Amino acid sequence: MDFDRRAFLVQCGAYAAATMSTAQAVAQTALGEATLTTVSDGTLTLPGSFIFEPMPQDALTPILADYGIQHDRLEPECNLALYQDGTRNVLFDVGSGPDFMPTAGAVIDSLVAAGLAPEDVTHVLFTHAHPDHIWGLLDDFDEPVFADATYMMGRAEWDYWWNPETVDTIGEARAAFAVGAKRRMEMIEDSVVLFDDGDEVLPGIAAIATHGHTPGHMSFELRGGSQSALVLGDAIGNHHVAFRKPAWISGSDQDGDMAAATRQMLFDRIMAEQMQVVGFHLPQGGMGRVDRAAEGFVFVPDAT
């Protein structure tokens, strides 16, 4: 009997989806005739210092207490956006895959639960090439998971990770990020579509340069009729200090000053246009709205 590798993966995903004791939160909204949904890739487990180390600790402590966040341990959700317009099934990023963290890499399960097989994904748009966003490009057999998809990435982001000097300049703690990104990008080198800030990458989807978290990080503005949403990636990377103190430097950003300026620009735009947002690491499915608070902003999730 022939061994169908992809059918095997789909069957495994269907079994996992059917046997999960607790489902990850998902959210969904309509954008004109299209639908925007979040699908879970699981969670990460990170040391608090990964984000909090450069922040003023005395001022940080009461903020974390307000949100019930531990100072030494973070477990953020990983929520991928899925845009469906009747013709295209567009996935933003591909998650962690099997090689990053045991608590992540569940996107196939989530897609199966949503009624989609990997071959149903027509386009993959990358916000950036950190492990939890691109390592899921390859499956357990070291082949592209979404083999029938068109892969698209911002030109500046591609050039940064493709540069052979990046692994030596990114810093020891992130050197594995560079090696892992390059290995996966080599698999799509001959077919990837590159785009720039302001490009309409697909009908109803425009790229917005949100550099800082990585040198070429991109977010995406989605519009359908009078409705709009902003797929943030990691440009606003959490619902606590990034919202309460967007000007603070975060240890998770490769260029802290640029990332802080980007966050403030995004909050200005979101509030001016009252846009719905999808954040990769925002809670309760990652989709919601932004309200002003006495200090900074607050994330109001759609999922309950």
C-alpha atoms as a PDB file:
ATOM      1  CA  MET A   1       0.000   0.000   0.000  1.00  0.00           C
ATOM      2  CA  ASP A   2       1.382   3.435  -0.920  1.00  0.00           C
ATOM      3  CA  PHE A   3       2.175   5.739   1.977  1.00  0.00           C
ATOM      4  CA  ASP A   4       0.534   9.135   1.496  1.00  0.00           C
ATOM      5  CA  ARG A   5       2.567  11.416   3.761  1.00  0.00           C
ATOM      6  CA  ARG A   6       0.162  14.351   3.619  1.00  0.00           C
ATOM      7  CA  ALA A   7      -2.905  12.226   4.241  1.00  0.00           C
ATOM      8  CA  PHE A   8      -1.112  10.797   7.269  1.00  0.00           C
ATOM      9  CA  LEU A   9      -0.450  14.281   8.657  1.00  0.00           C
ATOM     10  CA  VAL A  10      -4.048  15.335   8.099  1.00  0.00           C
ATOM     11  CA  GLN A  11      -5.317  12.192   9.813  1.00  0.00           C
ATOM     12  CA  CYS A  12      -3.007  12.864  12.773  1.00  0.00           C
ATOM     13  CA  GLY A  13      -4.293  16.429  12.936  1.00  0.00           C
ATOM     14  CA  ALA A  14      -7.888  15.275  12.827  1.00  0.00           C
ATOM     15  CA  TYR A  15      -7.253  12.801  15.634  1.00  0.00           C
ATOM     16  CA  ALA A  16      -5.501  15.432  17.754  1.00  0.00           C
ATOM     17  CA  ALA A  17      -8.300  17.938  17.173  1.00  0.00           C
ATOM     18  CA  ALA A  18     -10.891  15.352  18.171  1.00  0.00           C
ATOM     19  CA  THR A  19      -9.076  14.338  21.357  1.00  0.00           C
ATOM     20  CA  MET A  20      -7.968  17.724  22.712  1.00  0.00           C
ATOM     21  CA  SER A  21      -9.375  18.136  26.215  1.00  0.00           C
ATOM     22  CA  THR A  22      -9.559  21.921  25.927  1.00  0.00           C
ATOM     23  CA  ALA A  23      -9.854  23.935  22.741  1.00  0.00           C
ATOM     24  CA  GLN A  24      -7.827  27.042  22.097  1.00  0.00           C
ATOM     25  CA  ALA A  25      -9.885  30.196  21.854  1.00  0.00           C
ATOM     26  CA  VAL A  26     -10.685  31.301  18.320  1.00  0.00           C
ATOM     27  CA  ALA A  27     -12.310  34.423  16.983  1.00  0.00           C
ATOM     28  CA  GLN A  28     -13.943  35.307  13.693  1.00  0.00           C
ATOM     29  CA  THR A  29     -15.190  38.417  11.937  1.00  0.00           C
ATOM     30  CA  ALA A  30     -16.601  39.352   8.535  1.00  0.00           C
ATOM     31  CA  LEU A  31     -14.794  41.746   6.217  1.00  0.00           C
ATOM     32  CA  GLY A  32     -17.282  42.442   3.474  1.00  0.00           C
ATOM     33  CA  GLU A  33     -17.750  39.116   1.678  1.00  0.00           C
ATOM     34  CA  ALA A  34     -14.590  37.657   3.266  1.00  0.00           C
ATOM     35  CA  THR A  35     -14.024  36.057   6.653  1.00  0.00           C
ATOM     36  CA  LEU A  36     -11.107  36.536   9.031  1.00  0.00           C
ATOM     37  CA  THR A  37     -10.543  33.783  11.603  1.00  0.00           C
ATOM     38  CA  THR A  38      -7.805  32.985  14.082  1.00  0.00           C
ATOM     39  CA  VAL A  39      -6.350  29.476  14.300  1.00  0.00           C
ATOM     40  CA  SER A  40      -4.170  28.414  17.192  1.00  0.00           C
ATOM     41  CA  ASP A  41      -0.617  27.107  16.961  1.00  0.00           C
ATOM     42  CA  GLY A  42      -0.571  26.474  20.721  1.00  0.00           C
ATOM     43  CA  THR A  43       1.431  28.482  23.242  1.00  0.00           C
ATOM     44  CA  LEU A  44       5.022  29.388  24.025  1.00  0.00           C
ATOM     45  CA  THR A  45       6.831  29.182  27.343  1.00  0.00           C
ATOM     46  CA  LEU A  46       9.296  32.054  27.730  1.00  0.00           C
ATOM     47  CA  PRO A  47      11.378  33.531  30.532  1.00  0.00           C
ATOM     48  CA  GLY A  48       9.967  36.891  31.570  1.00  0.00           C
ATOM     49  CA  SER A  49      13.387  38.450  31.048  1.00  0.00           C
ATOM     50  CA  PHE A  50      13.001  37.865  27.299  1.00  0.00           C
ATOM     51  CA  ILE A  51      10.627  40.843  27.279  1.00  0.00           C
ATOM     52  CA  PHE A  52      11.021  42.583  30.638  1.00  0.00           C
ATOM     53  CA  GLU A  53      14.790  42.852  31.142  1.00  0.00           C
ATOM     54  CA  PRO A  54      15.307  46.365  29.653  1.00  0.00           C
ATOM     55  CA  MET A  55      12.208  47.839  31.332  1.00  0.00           C
ATOM     56  CA  PRO A  56      12.179  49.949  34.534  1.00  0.00           C
ATOM     57  CA  GLN A  57      11.552  47.217  37.079  1.00  0.00           C
ATOM     58  CA  ASP A  58       9.957  49.348  39.800  1.00  0.00           C
ATOM     59  CA  ALA A  59       7.343  50.647  37.366  1.00  0.00           C
ATOM     60  CA  LEU A  60       6.922  47.258  35.716  1.00  0.00           C
ATOM     61  CA  THR A  61       5.943  45.322  38.846  1.00  0.00           C
ATOM     62  CA  PRO A  62       2.531  46.954  39.466  1.00  0.00           C
ATOM     63  CA  ILE A  63       1.620  46.675  35.775  1.00  0.00           C
ATOM     64  CA  LEU A  64       2.270  42.942  35.783  1.00  0.00           C
ATOM     65  CA  ALA A  65       0.261  42.632  38.979  1.00  0.00           C
ATOM     66  CA  ASP A  66      -2.685  44.377  37.306  1.00  0.00           C
ATOM     67  CA  TYR A  67      -2.700  41.730  34.579  1.00  0.00           C
ATOM     68  CA  GLY A  68      -1.845  38.734  36.749  1.00  0.00           C
ATOM     69  CA  ILE A  69       1.353  38.238  34.756  1.00  0.00           C
ATOM     70  CA  GLN A  70       4.327  36.480  36.331  1.00  0.00           C
ATOM     71  CA  HIS A  71       7.614  38.345  36.258  1.00  0.00           C
ATOM     72  CA  ASP A  72       9.701  35.264  35.520  1.00  0.00           C
ATOM     73  CA  ARG A  73       7.489  33.221  33.167  1.00  0.00           C
ATOM     74  CA  LEU A  74       5.276  33.971  30.179  1.00  0.00           C
ATOM     75  CA  GLU A  75       2.965  31.616  28.292  1.00  0.00           C
ATOM     76  CA  PRO A  76       1.625  33.626  25.349  1.00  0.00           C
ATOM     77  CA  GLU A  77      -0.853  32.226  22.868  1.00  0.00           C
ATOM     78  CA  CYS A  78       0.148  31.848  19.230  1.00  0.00           C
ATOM     79  CA  ASN A  79      -2.756  32.903  17.002  1.00  0.00           C
ATOM     80  CA  LEU A  80      -2.452  32.782  13.220  1.00  0.00           C
ATOM     81  CA  ALA A  81      -4.835  34.797  11.081  1.00  0.00           C
ATOM     82  CA  LEU A  82      -6.730  33.003   8.308  1.00  0.00           C
ATOM     83  CA  TYR A  83      -8.394  35.123   5.593  1.00  0.00           C
ATOM     84  CA  GLN A  84     -10.941  33.465   3.302  1.00  0.00           C
ATOM     85  CA  ASP A  85     -12.660  35.257   0.441  1.00  0.00           C
ATOM     86  CA  GLY A  86     -14.298  32.326  -1.335  1.00  0.00           C
ATOM     87  CA  THR A  87     -11.367  31.950  -3.719  1.00  0.00           C
ATOM     88  CA  ARG A  88      -8.313  32.202  -1.488  1.00  0.00           C
ATOM     89  CA  ASN A  89      -7.427  30.704   1.883  1.00  0.00           C
ATOM     90  CA  VAL A  90      -4.671  33.022   3.081  1.00  0.00           C
ATOM     91  CA  LEU A  91      -2.665  32.067   6.175  1.00  0.00           C
ATOM     92  CA  PHE A  92      -0.547  34.700   7.909  1.00  0.00           C
ATOM     93  CA  ASP A  93       2.633  32.938   9.103  1.00  0.00           C
ATOM     94  CA  VAL A  94       2.942  29.173   9.575  1.00  0.00           C
ATOM     95  CA  GLY A  95       3.630  28.732  13.288  1.00  0.00           C
ATOM     96  CA  SER A  96       6.437  26.885  15.054  1.00  0.00           C
ATOM     97  CA  GLY A  97       6.363  23.428  13.523  1.00  0.00           C
ATOM     98  CA  PRO A  98       7.675  20.382  15.393  1.00  0.00           C
ATOM     99  CA  ASP A  99      11.138  21.674  16.289  1.00  0.00           C
ATOM    100  CA  PHE A 100      10.716  24.808  18.401  1.00  0.00           C
ATOM    101  CA  MET A 101       8.666  24.118  21.542  1.00  0.00           C
ATOM    102  CA  PRO A 102       6.535  21.136  22.576  1.00  0.00           C
ATOM    103  CA  THR A 103       3.660  23.461  23.505  1.00  0.00           C
ATOM    104  CA  ALA A 104       3.449  24.908  19.986  1.00  0.00           C
ATOM    105  CA  GLY A 105       3.212  23.590  16.442  1.00  0.00           C
ATOM    106  CA  ALA A 106      -0.518  22.807  16.434  1.00  0.00           C
ATOM    107  CA  VAL A 107      -1.615  24.804  13.394  1.00  0.00           C
ATOM    108  CA  ILE A 108      -2.403  21.741  11.259  1.00  0.00           C
ATOM    109  CA  ASP A 109      -4.677  20.452  14.026  1.00  0.00           C
ATOM    110  CA  SER A 110      -6.408  23.819  14.202  1.00  0.00           C
ATOM    111  CA  LEU A 111      -6.874  24.052  10.450  1.00  0.00           C
ATOM    112  CA  VAL A 112      -8.317  20.541  10.318  1.00  0.00           C
ATOM    113  CA  ALA A 113     -10.725  21.496  13.100  1.00  0.00           C
ATOM    114  CA  ALA A 114     -11.727  24.486  10.920  1.00  0.00           C
ATOM    115  CA  GLY A 115     -12.344  22.198   7.945  1.00  0.00           C
ATOM    116  CA  LEU A 116      -9.138  22.881   6.002  1.00  0.00           C
ATOM    117  CA  ALA A 117      -6.345  20.530   4.969  1.00  0.00           C
ATOM    118  CA  PRO A 118      -2.826  21.904   4.378  1.00  0.00           C
ATOM    119  CA  GLU A 119      -3.318  21.716   0.612  1.00  0.00           C
ATOM    120  CA  ASP A 120      -6.342  24.004   0.895  1.00  0.00           C
ATOM    121  CA  VAL A 121      -4.117  26.943   1.901  1.00  0.00           C
ATOM    122  CA  THR A 122      -3.557  28.982  -1.263  1.00  0.00           C
ATOM    123  CA  HIS A 123      -1.252  31.709   0.095  1.00  0.00           C
ATOM    124  CA  VAL A 124       1.072  32.174   3.053  1.00  0.00           C
ATOM    125  CA  LEU A 125       1.974  35.765   3.983  1.00  0.00           C
ATOM    126  CA  PHE A 126       4.840  36.118   6.447  1.00  0.00           C
ATOM    127  CA  THR A 127       4.973  38.940   8.963  1.00  0.00           C
ATOM    128  CA  HIS A 128       8.569  38.002   9.835  1.00  0.00           C
ATOM    129  CA  ALA A 129      10.926  35.066  10.154  1.00  0.00           C
ATOM    130  CA  HIS A 130      11.234  34.375  13.887  1.00  0.00           C
ATOM    131  CA  PRO A 131      10.919  30.659  14.770  1.00  0.00           C
ATOM    132  CA  ASP A 132       7.309  30.730  15.960  1.00  0.00           C
ATOM    133  CA  HIS A 133       6.293  32.341  12.663  1.00  0.00           C
ATOM    134  CA  ILE A 134       8.319  30.438  10.051  1.00  0.00           C
ATOM    135  CA  TRP A 135       9.660  27.170  11.463  1.00  0.00           C
ATOM    136  CA  GLY A 136       6.281  25.582  10.783  1.00  0.00           C
ATOM    137  CA  LEU A 137       7.029  25.864   7.069  1.00  0.00           C
ATOM    138  CA  LEU A 138       8.564  22.364   7.160  1.00  0.00           C
ATOM    139  CA  ASP A 139       6.918  19.200   8.409  1.00  0.00           C
ATOM    140  CA  ASP A 140       8.412  16.147  10.142  1.00  0.00           C
ATOM    141  CA  PHE A 141       9.675  14.990   6.760  1.00  0.00           C
ATOM    142  CA  ASP A 142      11.489  18.288   6.116  1.00  0.00           C
ATOM    143  CA  GLU A 143       9.189  19.233   3.269  1.00  0.00           C
ATOM    144  CA  PRO A 144       6.908  22.294   2.983  1.00  0.00           C
ATOM    145  CA  VAL A 145       3.667  21.734   4.895  1.00  0.00           C
ATOM    146  CA  PHE A 146       1.627  23.967   2.600  1.00  0.00           C
ATOM    147  CA  ALA A 147       3.078  22.590  -0.598  1.00  0.00           C
ATOM    148  CA  ASP A 148       0.437  24.076  -2.895  1.00  0.00           C
ATOM    149  CA  ALA A 149       0.571  27.593  -1.424  1.00  0.00           C
ATOM    150  CA  THR A 150       2.169  30.727  -2.822  1.00  0.00           C
ATOM    151  CA  TYR A 151       4.641  32.058  -0.241  1.00  0.00           C
ATOM    152  CA  MET A 152       5.023  35.831   0.157  1.00  0.00           C
ATOM    153  CA  MET A 153       7.420  37.848   2.334  1.00  0.00           C
ATOM    154  CA  GLY A 154       8.487  41.462   2.639  1.00  0.00           C
ATOM    155  CA  ARG A 155      11.642  42.165   0.652  1.00  0.00           C
ATOM    156  CA  ALA A 156      13.513  43.762   3.567  1.00  0.00           C
ATOM    157  CA  GLU A 157      12.728  40.804   5.833  1.00  0.00           C
ATOM    158  CA  TRP A 158      13.808  38.295   3.232  1.00  0.00           C
ATOM    159  CA  ASP A 159      17.058  40.153   2.536  1.00  0.00           C
ATOM    160  CA  TYR A 160      17.916  40.340   6.246  1.00  0.00           C
ATOM    161  CA  TRP A 161      17.600  36.626   6.972  1.00  0.00           C
ATOM    162  CA  TRP A 162      19.054  35.605   3.610  1.00  0.00           C
ATOM    163  CA  ASN A 163      22.197  37.658   4.259  1.00  0.00           C
ATOM    164  CA  PRO A 164      25.019  35.259   5.279  1.00  0.00           C
ATOM    165  CA  GLU A 165      26.313  37.860   7.746  1.00  0.00           C
ATOM    166  CA  THR A 166      23.093  37.841   9.811  1.00  0.00           C
ATOM    167  CA  VAL A 167      23.982  34.716  11.791  1.00  0.00           C
ATOM    168  CA  ASP A 168      27.201  36.405  12.972  1.00  0.00           C
ATOM    169  CA  THR A 169      25.657  39.791  13.785  1.00  0.00           C
ATOM    170  CA  ILE A 170      22.292  38.908  15.320  1.00  0.00           C
ATOM    171  CA  GLY A 171      23.831  37.925  18.656  1.00  0.00           C
ATOM    172  CA  GLU A 172      24.546  34.546  20.219  1.00  0.00           C
ATOM    173  CA  ALA A 173      21.085  34.185  21.771  1.00  0.00           C
ATOM    174  CA  ARG A 174      19.373  34.513  18.375  1.00  0.00           C
ATOM    175  CA  ALA A 175      21.921  32.781  16.141  1.00  0.00           C
ATOM    176  CA  ALA A 176      19.741  29.665  15.975  1.00  0.00           C
ATOM    177  CA  PHE A 177      16.882  31.872  14.766  1.00  0.00           C
ATOM    178  CA  ALA A 178      18.973  32.908  11.776  1.00  0.00           C
ATOM    179  CA  VAL A 179      20.096  29.372  10.940  1.00  0.00           C
ATOM    180  CA  GLY A 180      16.553  28.037  11.196  1.00  0.00           C
ATOM    181  CA  ALA A 181      15.058  30.834   9.112  1.00  0.00           C
ATOM    182  CA  LYS A 182      17.635  30.469   6.352  1.00  0.00           C
ATOM    183  CA  ARG A 183      17.137  26.701   6.118  1.00  0.00           C
ATOM    184  CA  ARG A 184      13.405  27.104   5.651  1.00  0.00           C
ATOM    185  CA  MET A 185      13.709  30.008   3.252  1.00  0.00           C
ATOM    186  CA  GLU A 186      15.998  27.893   1.057  1.00  0.00           C
ATOM    187  CA  MET A 187      13.046  25.548   0.508  1.00  0.00           C
ATOM    188  CA  ILE A 188      10.971  28.330  -1.092  1.00  0.00           C
ATOM    189  CA  GLU A 189      13.784  30.388  -2.656  1.00  0.00           C
ATOM    190  CA  ASP A 190      12.733  29.694  -6.240  1.00  0.00           C
ATOM    191  CA  SER A 191       9.057  30.474  -5.758  1.00  0.00           C
ATOM    192  CA  VAL A 192       8.712  33.123  -3.050  1.00  0.00           C
ATOM    193  CA  VAL A 193       7.001  36.395  -3.993  1.00  0.00           C
ATOM    194  CA  LEU A 194       8.575  39.486  -2.408  1.00  0.00           C
ATOM    195  CA  PHE A 195       6.719  42.717  -1.700  1.00  0.00           C
ATOM    196  CA  ASP A 196       7.359  46.182  -0.282  1.00  0.00           C
ATOM    197  CA  ASP A 197       5.664  48.641   2.072  1.00  0.00           C
ATOM    198  CA  GLY A 198       2.326  49.824   0.712  1.00  0.00           C
ATOM    199  CA  ASP A 199       1.944  47.063  -1.877  1.00  0.00           C
ATOM    200  CA  GLU A 200      -1.451  45.445  -2.340  1.00  0.00           C
ATOM    201  CA  VAL A 201      -0.118  41.913  -2.017  1.00  0.00           C
ATOM    202  CA  LEU A 202      -3.504  40.322  -2.698  1.00  0.00           C
ATOM    203  CA  PRO A 203      -6.941  41.851  -3.378  1.00  0.00           C
ATOM    204  CA  GLY A 204      -8.040  43.551  -0.165  1.00  0.00           C
ATOM    205  CA  ILE A 205      -4.689  42.993   1.601  1.00  0.00           C
ATOM    206  CA  ALA A 206      -2.062  45.758   1.805  1.00  0.00           C
ATOM    207  CA  ALA A 207       1.397  45.517   3.396  1.00  0.00           C
ATOM    208  CA  ILE A 208       2.442  47.990   6.097  1.00  0.00           C
ATOM    209  CA  ALA A 209       6.083  48.308   7.154  1.00  0.00           C
ATOM    210  CA  THR A 210       6.233  47.795  10.938  1.00  0.00           C
ATOM    211  CA  HIS A 211       9.952  47.352  11.385  1.00  0.00           C
ATOM    212  CA  GLY A 212      11.717  46.975  14.707  1.00  0.00           C
ATOM    213  CA  HIS A 213      10.698  43.616  16.108  1.00  0.00           C
ATOM    214  CA  THR A 214      12.737  42.383  13.166  1.00  0.00           C
ATOM    215  CA  PRO A 215      14.433  44.603  10.566  1.00  0.00           C
ATOM    216  CA  GLY A 216      11.761  43.933   7.932  1.00  0.00           C
ATOM    217  CA  HIS A 217       8.677  43.068   9.981  1.00  0.00           C
ATOM    218  CA  MET A 218       5.418  43.590   8.072  1.00  0.00           C
ATOM    219  CA  SER A 219       1.826  43.969   9.189  1.00  0.00           C
ATOM    220  CA  PHE A 220      -1.202  43.797   6.911  1.00  0.00           C
ATOM    221  CA  GLU A 221      -4.289  45.937   6.491  1.00  0.00           C
ATOM    222  CA  LEU A 222      -7.331  43.969   5.371  1.00  0.00           C
ATOM    223  CA  ARG A 223     -10.357  45.752   3.949  1.00  0.00           C
ATOM    224  CA  GLY A 224     -13.756  44.562   2.829  1.00  0.00           C
ATOM    225  CA  GLY A 225     -16.383  47.184   2.091  1.00  0.00           C
ATOM    226  CA  SER A 226     -16.435  49.594   5.032  1.00  0.00           C
ATOM    227  CA  GLN A 227     -14.791  47.094   7.390  1.00  0.00           C
ATOM    228  CA  SER A 228     -11.104  46.801   8.131  1.00  0.00           C
ATOM    229  CA  ALA A 229      -8.713  44.831  10.287  1.00  0.00           C
ATOM    230  CA  LEU A 230      -4.999  44.963  10.998  1.00  0.00           C
ATOM    231  CA  VAL A 231      -2.944  41.782  11.221  1.00  0.00           C
ATOM    232  CA  LEU A 232      -0.181  42.915  13.572  1.00  0.00           C
ATOM    233  CA  GLY A 233       2.157  39.952  13.750  1.00  0.00           C
ATOM    234  CA  ASP A 234       4.483  40.829  16.649  1.00  0.00           C
ATOM    235  CA  ALA A 235       4.527  44.588  16.064  1.00  0.00           C
ATOM    236  CA  ILE A 236       2.352  44.834  19.204  1.00  0.00           C
ATOM    237  CA  GLY A 237       3.535  41.707  20.913  1.00  0.00           C
ATOM    238  CA  ASN A 238       1.502  41.385  24.102  1.00  0.00           C
ATOM    239  CA  HIS A 239      -1.626  42.723  25.811  1.00  0.00           C
ATOM    240  CA  HIS A 240       0.071  44.066  28.947  1.00  0.00           C
ATOM    241  CA  VAL A 241       3.183  46.265  28.773  1.00  0.00           C
ATOM    242  CA  ALA A 242       2.997  46.784  24.989  1.00  0.00           C
ATOM    243  CA  PHE A 243      -0.455  48.307  25.464  1.00  0.00           C
ATOM    244  CA  ARG A 244       0.089  50.057  28.795  1.00  0.00           C
ATOM    245  CA  LYS A 245       3.562  51.399  27.942  1.00  0.00           C
ATOM    246  CA  PRO A 246       4.080  51.241  24.154  1.00  0.00           C
ATOM    247  CA  ALA A 247       7.142  53.507  24.348  1.00  0.00           C
ATOM    248  CA  TRP A 248       9.031  51.109  26.611  1.00  0.00           C
ATOM    249  CA  ILE A 249      11.829  49.102  25.024  1.00  0.00           C
ATOM    250  CA  SER A 250      11.106  45.363  24.919  1.00  0.00           C
ATOM    251  CA  GLY A 251      13.793  42.704  25.043  1.00  0.00           C
ATOM    252  CA  SER A 252      11.912  40.696  22.422  1.00  0.00           C
ATOM    253  CA  ASP A 253      12.523  43.342  19.741  1.00  0.00           C
ATOM    254  CA  GLN A 254      15.706  43.309  17.699  1.00  0.00           C
ATOM    255  CA  ASP A 255      15.696  47.107  17.378  1.00  0.00           C
ATOM    256  CA  GLY A 256      14.005  48.331  20.538  1.00  0.00           C
ATOM    257  CA  ASP A 257      13.843  52.020  19.670  1.00  0.00           C
ATOM    258  CA  MET A 258      12.403  51.412  16.214  1.00  0.00           C
ATOM    259  CA  ALA A 259       9.880  48.885  17.556  1.00  0.00           C
ATOM    260  CA  ALA A 260       8.670  51.357  20.196  1.00  0.00           C
ATOM    261  CA  ALA A 261       8.164  54.038  17.546  1.00  0.00           C
ATOM    262  CA  THR A 262       6.309  51.508  15.392  1.00  0.00           C
ATOM    263  CA  ARG A 263       3.971  50.576  18.267  1.00  0.00           C
ATOM    264  CA  GLN A 264       3.079  54.185  18.877  1.00  0.00           C
ATOM    265  CA  MET A 265       2.447  54.732  15.162  1.00  0.00           C
ATOM    266  CA  LEU A 266       0.194  51.683  15.065  1.00  0.00           C
ATOM    267  CA  PHE A 267      -1.835  52.728  18.099  1.00  0.00           C
ATOM    268  CA  ASP A 268      -2.364  56.157  16.533  1.00  0.00           C
ATOM    269  CA  ARG A 269      -3.589  54.543  13.316  1.00  0.00           C
ATOM    270  CA  ILE A 270      -5.760  51.952  15.042  1.00  0.00           C
ATOM    271  CA  MET A 271      -7.480  54.545  17.179  1.00  0.00           C
ATOM    272  CA  ALA A 272      -7.934  57.057  14.350  1.00  0.00           C
ATOM    273  CA  GLU A 273      -9.565  54.432  12.106  1.00  0.00           C
ATOM    274  CA  GLN A 274     -11.140  52.284  14.853  1.00  0.00           C
ATOM    275  CA  MET A 275      -9.650  49.178  13.305  1.00  0.00           C
ATOM    276  CA  GLN A 276     -10.093  45.654  14.532  1.00  0.00           C
ATOM    277  CA  VAL A 277      -6.755  43.980  15.285  1.00  0.00           C
ATOM    278  CA  VAL A 278      -5.292  40.484  15.223  1.00  0.00           C
ATOM    279  CA  GLY A 279      -2.122  40.006  17.259  1.00  0.00           C
ATOM    280  CA  PHE A 280      -0.135  36.802  17.087  1.00  0.00           C
ATOM    281  CA  HIS A 281       0.469  36.729  20.851  1.00  0.00           C
ATOM    282  CA  LEU A 282      -2.646  38.531  22.060  1.00  0.00           C
ATOM    283  CA  PRO A 283      -4.953  36.484  24.321  1.00  0.00           C
ATOM    284  CA  GLN A 284      -8.331  34.810  23.846  1.00  0.00           C
ATOM    285  CA  GLY A 285      -7.853  34.099  20.175  1.00  0.00           C
ATOM    286  CA  GLY A 286      -5.855  37.243  19.442  1.00  0.00           C
ATOM    287  CA  MET A 287      -8.648  39.223  17.749  1.00  0.00           C
ATOM    288  CA  GLY A 288     -10.257  42.298  19.238  1.00  0.00           C
ATOM    289  CA  ARG A 289     -10.344  46.052  19.553  1.00  0.00           C
ATOM    290  CA  VAL A 290      -8.264  48.702  21.257  1.00  0.00           C
ATOM    291  CA  ASP A 291      -9.603  51.170  23.788  1.00  0.00           C
ATOM    292  CA  ARG A 292      -7.856  54.076  25.448  1.00  0.00           C
ATOM    293  CA  ALA A 293      -7.090  53.636  29.134  1.00  0.00           C
ATOM    294  CA  ALA A 294      -6.112  56.010  31.915  1.00  0.00           C
ATOM    295  CA  GLU A 295      -2.574  54.977  31.053  1.00  0.00           C
ATOM    296  CA  GLY A 296      -1.893  53.801  27.523  1.00  0.00           C
ATOM    297  CA  PHE A 297      -4.338  51.404  25.894  1.00  0.00           C
ATOM    298  CA  VAL A 298      -6.237  48.208  26.648  1.00  0.00           C
ATOM    299  CA  PHE A 299      -6.955  45.180  24.460  1.00  0.00           C
ATOM    300  CA  VAL A 300     -10.622  44.143  24.326  1.00  0.00           C
ATOM    301  CA  PRO A 301     -10.800  40.598  22.888  1.00  0.00           C
ATOM    302  CA  ASP A 302     -13.677  39.506  20.680  1.00  0.00           C
ATOM    303  CA  ALA A 303     -13.656  35.928  21.983  1.00  0.00           C
ATOM    304  CA  THR A 304     -15.124  35.300  25.408  1.00  0.00           C
END
